[in-house]
Structure formats: C-alpha cells, structure tokens
C-alpha cells in the first residue's frame, strides 16, 4: 500500500474514532437508582400504642360508717388471704349516738344485710354460668381435636370460661365484702349504744379475696369517714392491659383481635387478646399539644404467668394490635409506589431501562404495601424514584 493511501486510511479511522467519541459523549448516562425485588412474605397490619397494666379485680377496703380505726400495719406488696383481718374498727370514741343517729345506724345495718342477701342470691347464677362455660369449653376442645371446631371457636370458649370464673370469684368477693360491711355496721350500732361507750367493741374489716395489698391509703389510727379508702387489695397475677388508641384506629379493633405486648421488660413479646373496646371516646392532649380523640381498649394476657411473674400493676407496655395478617403476601416497598392521575404506579427495571407500570395497592404495614395487581414476584422495582426519571430511561442499580 502506497504512503498516500495509508495516510488517507489513518485519517478516516481517526475521523471515525472522533465521531464515535462525540456521539458517546452526548448519549444520556444511566441514572443511578435504588431497587428492590417484589416477593411474597408474611405481612401484618399492626396498630401500636403505649398501654398500662391494671389489676383485673381490685377491691378498696373502707369503713361503711364513721368509725375509729387502729393503726394499719400493712405495707404495699404484703400477701393476704381471703377472710384475713385487715383493719380493726371501733365506734367513734367518746361519742354516744342519739336517737336519730341510732335509727340511722339501724338503717345502715338493714341496708348492709339486704346487700349481703342480694349477693348471696346472685351466687347460684354465677356458679351456674361457670359450670355451663366449663362444659362448653370441654365440648369445644373435643370438637377441636376432631377438627370440627376452629381455633377461634376454641379461644372464644376459653375466654368465656375465664370470664365466667372471674364473675364467680367476683360474686364470692362481693358476698364477703357485704358480710364485712354488715359486721362493721353492727359494730357501729352496738358501740354507740348506751352502756357500751366506755368499752368499745372492736370489729375487723376482712380481705374479700386472696391477693396482695396494692396500696395503703390510710396508716395512722383515728376517725375515718364513711367510704374513705383505707386499703386496696387485688391479685397481681390477674392483670389486664388498658390502651388508649386513636378513634380512627379503634374502629378497626374488635374483641378477639390478637395483641402482642412488647417493651415490657422481657426478651419476648407477650400474647394477648382484646376483651372489649369502650363505646365512647374522650379528648386527650398529646405531648405536642394536639387534641386527640382516644378510645380505651382493654386486653387480657394469654401468655403463661411464669413469663410475666414480675410484671406489676401500673407498668408500661407497648400494645401491638394485629388487625390483619397473612403468611404469604405479594408486597413491595411503600417508597416504590407513587400517585398518578390514574391511581398508583411504579417503575420496574427491564434490560437496564425504567418501565412504568400501573399498580393496585392493598393493605399497608409500615414501610411495605400489599400489591394486588400490576407487579409480579421477582419484578425489580425502583425505590424512591427521582422526579426526573421517565419511562424508557437507562438506569443503573446502586449497591446498598
């Protein structure tokens, strides 16, 4: 090849390389994006609020009449047995009852006797309800073992049996309380009668249930007014959780909804179930000074007592109400979806280019959302797409 020809070929090649470099320099660069893969996984829709533990049944010990009490030796946390003497009460010292006061005292005795009679008459109904609930639970357990009854039916039967037993225990406690109030009323009448003022007869207020002293409201001896709280007794082994939720969340919480109690001090969450939702709301001011409408939700603890034996009344927990859940839900990051005039859409990555697809979202749970239609498992979507991203643009996935 002659020298002029080689020179011409070299110029042509150089021109082609320069032209290719110019074309490449003007080509749009791939836009770096963050991506995620559509997959099927368990999904829970949860409502979270702070709750507080409370004793299921607490009893306030008080004198039904004006009386003189001895010093109360009990401390919060002390164990008491049903029927154990708690407070010694006497008629007011150096105080004789006149005819009118004696008549009022007799009326209180009659009222206390009527209350005791009523509580005794209510006991058979509570016992019958407890027996019926126990039989229904046994029948449901048999049906559940035969795969006839569902887990929900078994849980409902257990809850009904527990509630019936609690009602029976409360009926017994009310009877014991009424008996103690009758004794105190009789003591007040006898102690204020003529001939007994110089020798006051001491009576006792007894524990209506077996449990522990939750609070001591009055310690020193002296006169007390009718109904003045002296002691508070309950069983800290029977707790329930009260949670105030937003009213718009309360409409999605029904009795029987599963609850997880977290941040209570233990390593694993505790299981619970919603017992009741208050039918009315109230206004509560948040920490930011915003007025909110709240509704109280009461839930029972289902986890074994051994797991939360050190949990007491008035303790803080994080209540997580599971209002919906599924084991296999096609889901995408919530940041991958964006609104359009037609509804919702998302960008997928196909052959290193952005493809816009219309999406039908479902339930939302935190940072993920259920995908009903528009995306399939294995699709790669762009998370938090840039405003300049358009369909057909070249993209490059950024490493996390």
Foldseek 3Di string as FASTA:
>chain_A
DDPVVVVVVVVVVVVVVVVVVVVVVPDDDAAAFAKDFWFWFKDFAKDKFKWFKAFPDKDFDFAQAKWWKAFFPDDFFAWAAAFAFGIKTWAAAPAADDPVRLVVLVVQLVVLVVQLVVLVVCLVVLVVQLVVLVVLLVVLVVCVVVVNHDPLSNVVSVVSNVVSVVVNLVSQLSNLQSVLNSVSSVQNSVCNHPPNNVPIDIDTRGHSHTATWRDAPDGHIGIDGRPDGGTMGGHQLWMKMKGKDFPVVLVLADFFWWKWWPPQPDDGTFIKTWHDKDPAWDWDQDPVRDITTITIIMIGTDDDSVRVVVRGGGGMIMIMTRSDIDGIFGKDFPQQWDADPVGIWGWWADPQWTAIWHWDWDDDHPGMTGTPDTDDGGTMTTGNDDPPHDGGHGHDYDDD
